[in-house]
Structures are given as C-alpha cells and as structure tokens.
Amino acid sequence: MSALAKDHPVLRPMRPEDVERVIDIEEKIYAFPWTRGNFLDSIRARYHCYVYEVPGALVGYGVMMVAAQEAHLLNLSIAASWQRRGHGRELLAHFMRIARDHGARAMVLEVRPSNDVAAHLYRGAGFRVVGVRPNYYPAENGREDAILMERPL
C-alpha cells in the first residue's frame, strides 16, 4: 500500500463512541463549539453524521439533515492539523454526493461572516449567498449574523 493511499481519509458513519474525539477537535477549532449532546442528538435523530479519518487520526467530521428534497449542512469541520490540504473540499463533496443519493435537489448552510476560510470553501464549491439570519451565532460580544448559502445539487 502506498503512503498516499494510507494517508487518504476514509468517510464512515459517526458512532456514539466517536463523539469524544469529535468534541476534542470541535473545542480546539471553535470559540463556541457544538456540545456532546448536539452530536449525540444528531446521531439519535438519524441525521447524516460522518467522520473522516486515517488510521490513528480523526481528520474531520460533518453533520447533515436531509428533508423535503433539501440538505442542510449543519456542521463541517477539519482538525486544525489537517487544514489547508483540501480535506474540507473533499469532505464537502462527500456530503453533496450523500445528499443527492438521498433525493436532495439543493444544499443549504449557514456560515459566520467572520469565517472567511469556510465562506471561500463554499463559494468555490458553487454555493451562493441567498440571505442573512440575524443574530444567529453566539459571539464574543453578543451575537453574530449567519450568511445563508445555497447550492443546487
């Protein structure tokens, strides 16, 4: 097996026993992370929860809900040590395929205006701004709006 194949992340469904590793990443990369309960509730609700991993390391994870032919990407995260290598783009592409496979015709998501890296990723994948959700996110000094983005699938 080549080093490239060995180091290429594999997507698999998130299990409750993965949540501790997920939370470890979440708390390192976000000032206002999701809670353990958020992830466990998403698994119980049968949202599309996946981890992206290589042997011995969690590269990233995501959570998506699909209903009424629309996918709502709720969380897409890459561990800090794995960022800027194209993994976010690959993980997003996986979620778009999963959404299409489950009958979604469009994907929507929210992103913080202050999260330039994520907004750039989504624009590069064909998402466009369709609105703003005022005071959506907790922030250091109160609340921050969310930019609502959408992409046809």
C-alpha atoms as a PDB file:
ATOM      1  CA  MET A   1       0.000   0.000   0.000  1.00  0.00           C
ATOM      2  CA  SER A   2       1.416   3.389  -0.929  1.00  0.00           C
ATOM      3  CA  ALA A   3       1.852   6.198   1.595  1.00  0.00           C
ATOM      4  CA  LEU A   4      -0.668   8.230  -0.381  1.00  0.00           C
ATOM      5  CA  ALA A   5      -3.377   5.566  -0.092  1.00  0.00           C
ATOM      6  CA  LYS A   6      -2.592   5.002   3.585  1.00  0.00           C
ATOM      7  CA  ASP A   7      -2.881   8.710   4.374  1.00  0.00           C
ATOM      8  CA  HIS A   8      -6.041   9.320   2.354  1.00  0.00           C
ATOM      9  CA  PRO A   9      -9.017   9.835   4.696  1.00  0.00           C
ATOM     10  CA  VAL A  10     -11.953   7.458   4.648  1.00  0.00           C
ATOM     11  CA  LEU A  11     -15.526   8.528   5.360  1.00  0.00           C
ATOM     12  CA  ARG A  12     -17.667   6.396   7.655  1.00  0.00           C
ATOM     13  CA  PRO A  13     -20.788   6.903   9.784  1.00  0.00           C
ATOM     14  CA  MET A  14     -20.184   8.586  13.127  1.00  0.00           C
ATOM     15  CA  ARG A  15     -20.858   6.378  16.144  1.00  0.00           C
ATOM     16  CA  PRO A  16     -21.512   7.490  19.724  1.00  0.00           C
ATOM     17  CA  GLU A  17     -18.036   6.283  20.703  1.00  0.00           C
ATOM     18  CA  ASP A  18     -16.536   8.750  18.175  1.00  0.00           C
ATOM     19  CA  VAL A  19     -18.066  11.781  19.873  1.00  0.00           C
ATOM     20  CA  GLU A  20     -15.235  12.266  22.395  1.00  0.00           C
ATOM     21  CA  ARG A  21     -12.694  12.621  19.567  1.00  0.00           C
ATOM     22  CA  VAL A  22     -15.092  14.859  17.641  1.00  0.00           C
ATOM     23  CA  ILE A  23     -15.602  17.091  20.687  1.00  0.00           C
ATOM     24  CA  ASP A  24     -11.837  17.313  21.164  1.00  0.00           C
ATOM     25  CA  ILE A  25     -11.485  18.811  17.668  1.00  0.00           C
ATOM     26  CA  GLU A  26     -14.632  20.943  17.977  1.00  0.00           C
ATOM     27  CA  GLU A  27     -13.396  22.601  21.162  1.00  0.00           C
ATOM     28  CA  LYS A  28      -9.991  23.339  19.632  1.00  0.00           C
ATOM     29  CA  ILE A  29     -11.215  24.982  16.441  1.00  0.00           C
ATOM     30  CA  TYR A  30     -14.324  26.904  17.566  1.00  0.00           C
ATOM     31  CA  ALA A  31     -14.849  29.563  20.209  1.00  0.00           C
ATOM     32  CA  PHE A  32     -18.471  28.376  20.512  1.00  0.00           C
ATOM     33  CA  PRO A  33     -18.341  24.609  19.824  1.00  0.00           C
ATOM     34  CA  TRP A  34     -21.187  22.189  19.476  1.00  0.00           C
ATOM     35  CA  THR A  35     -21.783  20.170  22.626  1.00  0.00           C
ATOM     36  CA  ARG A  36     -21.533  16.445  23.158  1.00  0.00           C
ATOM     37  CA  GLY A  37     -25.333  16.470  23.318  1.00  0.00           C
ATOM     38  CA  ASN A  38     -25.602  18.187  19.934  1.00  0.00           C
ATOM     39  CA  PHE A  39     -23.652  15.377  18.302  1.00  0.00           C
ATOM     40  CA  LEU A  40     -25.364  12.559  20.193  1.00  0.00           C
ATOM     41  CA  ASP A  41     -28.800  14.049  19.416  1.00  0.00           C
ATOM     42  CA  SER A  42     -27.856  14.258  15.733  1.00  0.00           C
ATOM     43  CA  ILE A  43     -26.838  10.588  15.711  1.00  0.00           C
ATOM     44  CA  ARG A  44     -30.058   9.593  17.511  1.00  0.00           C
ATOM     45  CA  ALA A  45     -32.143  11.660  15.089  1.00  0.00           C
ATOM     46  CA  ARG A  46     -30.504   9.713  12.254  1.00  0.00           C
ATOM     47  CA  TYR A  47     -29.018  12.784  10.639  1.00  0.00           C
ATOM     48  CA  HIS A  48     -26.192  12.021   8.256  1.00  0.00           C
ATOM     49  CA  CYS A  49     -23.278  12.113  10.710  1.00  0.00           C
ATOM     50  CA  TYR A  50     -19.871  11.070   9.398  1.00  0.00           C
ATOM     51  CA  VAL A  51     -16.260  11.052  10.485  1.00  0.00           C
ATOM     52  CA  TYR A  52     -13.382  11.435   8.056  1.00  0.00           C
ATOM     53  CA  GLU A  53     -10.319   9.565   9.285  1.00  0.00           C
ATOM     54  CA  VAL A  54      -6.985   7.990   8.554  1.00  0.00           C
ATOM     55  CA  PRO A  55      -5.637   5.148  10.695  1.00  0.00           C
ATOM     56  CA  GLY A  56      -4.931   6.642  14.094  1.00  0.00           C
ATOM     57  CA  ALA A  57      -6.293  10.123  13.420  1.00  0.00           C
ATOM     58  CA  LEU A  58      -9.604  11.902  13.003  1.00  0.00           C
ATOM     59  CA  VAL A  59      -9.240  14.346  10.107  1.00  0.00           C
ATOM     60  CA  GLY A  60     -12.726  15.827  10.234  1.00  0.00           C
ATOM     61  CA  TYR A  61     -16.438  15.237  10.525  1.00  0.00           C
ATOM     62  CA  GLY A  62     -19.776  16.560   9.451  1.00  0.00           C
ATOM     63  CA  VAL A  63     -23.479  16.513  10.189  1.00  0.00           C
ATOM     64  CA  MET A  64     -26.238  16.969   7.638  1.00  0.00           C
ATOM     65  CA  MET A  65     -30.012  16.713   7.685  1.00  0.00           C
ATOM     66  CA  VAL A  66     -31.994  15.837   4.552  1.00  0.00           C
ATOM     67  CA  ALA A  67     -35.733  16.510   4.294  1.00  0.00           C
ATOM     68  CA  ALA A  68     -38.172  17.653   1.608  1.00  0.00           C
ATOM     69  CA  GLN A  69     -35.532  17.347  -1.144  1.00  0.00           C
ATOM     70  CA  GLU A  70     -33.207  19.759   0.673  1.00  0.00           C
ATOM     71  CA  ALA A  71     -29.988  19.005   2.511  1.00  0.00           C
ATOM     72  CA  HIS A  72     -28.997  21.256   5.398  1.00  0.00           C
ATOM     73  CA  LEU A  73     -25.303  21.035   6.203  1.00  0.00           C
ATOM     74  CA  LEU A  74     -25.188  21.657   9.945  1.00  0.00           C
ATOM     75  CA  ASN A  75     -21.510  21.126  10.700  1.00  0.00           C
ATOM     76  CA  LEU A  76     -18.438  20.516   8.557  1.00  0.00           C
ATOM     77  CA  SER A  77     -15.107  20.622  10.374  1.00  0.00           C
ATOM     78  CA  ILE A  78     -11.493  19.680   9.759  1.00  0.00           C
ATOM     79  CA  ALA A  79      -8.990  19.263  12.604  1.00  0.00           C
ATOM     80  CA  ALA A  80      -6.532  22.166  12.759  1.00  0.00           C
ATOM     81  CA  SER A  81      -3.504  19.987  11.960  1.00  0.00           C
ATOM     82  CA  TRP A  82      -5.228  18.703   8.791  1.00  0.00           C
ATOM     83  CA  GLN A  83      -6.494  22.033   7.442  1.00  0.00           C
ATOM     84  CA  ARG A  84      -5.340  23.665   4.199  1.00  0.00           C
ATOM     85  CA  ARG A  85      -4.747  20.325   2.444  1.00  0.00           C
ATOM     86  CA  GLY A  86      -8.026  20.058   0.508  1.00  0.00           C
ATOM     87  CA  HIS A  87      -9.776  17.879   3.086  1.00  0.00           C
ATOM     88  CA  GLY A  88     -12.606  20.362   3.627  1.00  0.00           C
ATOM     89  CA  ARG A  89     -13.305  20.380  -0.115  1.00  0.00           C
ATOM     90  CA  GLU A  90     -13.247  16.573  -0.230  1.00  0.00           C
ATOM     91  CA  LEU A  91     -15.498  16.222   2.815  1.00  0.00           C
ATOM     92  CA  LEU A  92     -17.956  18.750   1.376  1.00  0.00           C
ATOM     93  CA  ALA A  93     -18.022  16.798  -1.911  1.00  0.00           C
ATOM     94  CA  HIS A  94     -18.805  13.607   0.046  1.00  0.00           C
ATOM     95  CA  PHE A  95     -21.737  15.321   1.742  1.00  0.00           C
ATOM     96  CA  MET A  96     -23.056  16.664  -1.570  1.00  0.00           C
ATOM     97  CA  ARG A  97     -22.993  13.119  -3.006  1.00  0.00           C
ATOM     98  CA  ILE A  98     -24.765  11.740   0.072  1.00  0.00           C
ATOM     99  CA  ALA A  99     -27.387  14.491  -0.216  1.00  0.00           C
ATOM    100  CA  ARG A 100     -28.032  13.700  -3.899  1.00  0.00           C
ATOM    101  CA  ASP A 101     -28.211   9.972  -3.116  1.00  0.00           C
ATOM    102  CA  HIS A 102     -30.960  10.781  -0.579  1.00  0.00           C
ATOM    103  CA  GLY A 103     -33.019  12.809  -3.020  1.00  0.00           C
ATOM    104  CA  ALA A 104     -31.896  16.337  -2.180  1.00  0.00           C
ATOM    105  CA  ARG A 105     -32.061  18.829  -5.015  1.00  0.00           C
ATOM    106  CA  ALA A 106     -30.275  21.597  -3.107  1.00  0.00           C
ATOM    107  CA  MET A 107     -27.980  22.055  -0.147  1.00  0.00           C
ATOM    108  CA  VAL A 108     -28.165  24.957   2.283  1.00  0.00           C
ATOM    109  CA  LEU A 109     -25.848  26.007   5.090  1.00  0.00           C
ATOM    110  CA  GLU A 110     -25.046  28.890   7.379  1.00  0.00           C
ATOM    111  CA  VAL A 111     -21.586  30.364   7.787  1.00  0.00           C
ATOM    112  CA  ARG A 112     -20.279  33.107  10.040  1.00  0.00           C
ATOM    113  CA  PRO A 113     -19.288  36.293   8.178  1.00  0.00           C
ATOM    114  CA  SER A 114     -16.066  36.154  10.230  1.00  0.00           C
ATOM    115  CA  ASN A 115     -15.226  32.656   8.899  1.00  0.00           C
ATOM    116  CA  ASP A 116     -13.532  33.696   5.648  1.00  0.00           C
ATOM    117  CA  VAL A 117     -11.917  30.287   5.101  1.00  0.00           C
ATOM    118  CA  ALA A 118     -15.237  28.412   5.223  1.00  0.00           C
ATOM    119  CA  ALA A 119     -17.037  31.024   3.114  1.00  0.00           C
ATOM    120  CA  HIS A 120     -14.272  30.728   0.498  1.00  0.00           C
ATOM    121  CA  LEU A 121     -14.609  26.928   0.512  1.00  0.00           C
ATOM    122  CA  TYR A 122     -18.363  27.129  -0.034  1.00  0.00           C
ATOM    123  CA  ARG A 123     -18.140  29.773  -2.777  1.00  0.00           C
ATOM    124  CA  GLY A 124     -15.521  27.641  -4.525  1.00  0.00           C
ATOM    125  CA  ALA A 125     -17.929  24.687  -4.425  1.00  0.00           C
ATOM    126  CA  GLY A 126     -20.664  26.712  -6.138  1.00  0.00           C
ATOM    127  CA  PHE A 127     -22.663  27.972  -3.158  1.00  0.00           C
ATOM    128  CA  ARG A 128     -24.187  31.424  -3.437  1.00  0.00           C
ATOM    129  CA  VAL A 129     -25.449  33.788  -0.774  1.00  0.00           C
ATOM    130  CA  VAL A 130     -29.251  33.725  -0.552  1.00  0.00           C
ATOM    131  CA  GLY A 131     -29.843  35.581   2.706  1.00  0.00           C
ATOM    132  CA  VAL A 132     -28.789  36.508   6.205  1.00  0.00           C
ATOM    133  CA  ARG A 133     -30.013  35.114   9.515  1.00  0.00           C
ATOM    134  CA  PRO A 134     -29.668  37.995  12.005  1.00  0.00           C
ATOM    135  CA  ASN A 135     -28.112  37.263  15.412  1.00  0.00           C
ATOM    136  CA  TYR A 136     -27.781  33.561  14.599  1.00  0.00           C
ATOM    137  CA  TYR A 137     -24.473  32.667  16.251  1.00  0.00           C
ATOM    138  CA  PRO A 138     -23.168  33.381  19.750  1.00  0.00           C
ATOM    139  CA  ALA A 139     -20.165  35.707  19.571  1.00  0.00           C
ATOM    140  CA  GLU A 140     -17.595  37.259  21.855  1.00  0.00           C
ATOM    141  CA  ASN A 141     -19.614  40.457  22.215  1.00  0.00           C
ATOM    142  CA  GLY A 142     -23.198  39.273  21.807  1.00  0.00           C
ATOM    143  CA  ARG A 143     -24.401  37.661  18.598  1.00  0.00           C
ATOM    144  CA  GLU A 144     -23.188  37.345  15.004  1.00  0.00           C
ATOM    145  CA  ASP A 145     -25.319  37.052  11.885  1.00  0.00           C
ATOM    146  CA  ALA A 146     -25.181  33.974   9.677  1.00  0.00           C
ATOM    147  CA  ILE A 147     -24.775  34.126   5.936  1.00  0.00           C
ATOM    148  CA  LEU A 148     -27.228  31.683   4.374  1.00  0.00           C
ATOM    149  CA  MET A 149     -25.807  29.935   1.326  1.00  0.00           C
ATOM    150  CA  GLU A 150     -27.354  27.515  -1.145  1.00  0.00           C
ATOM    151  CA  ARG A 151     -26.235  25.295  -3.994  1.00  0.00           C
ATOM    152  CA  PRO A 152     -28.310  23.251  -6.402  1.00  0.00           C
ATOM    153  CA  LEU A 153     -27.390  19.580  -6.493  1.00  0.00           C
END
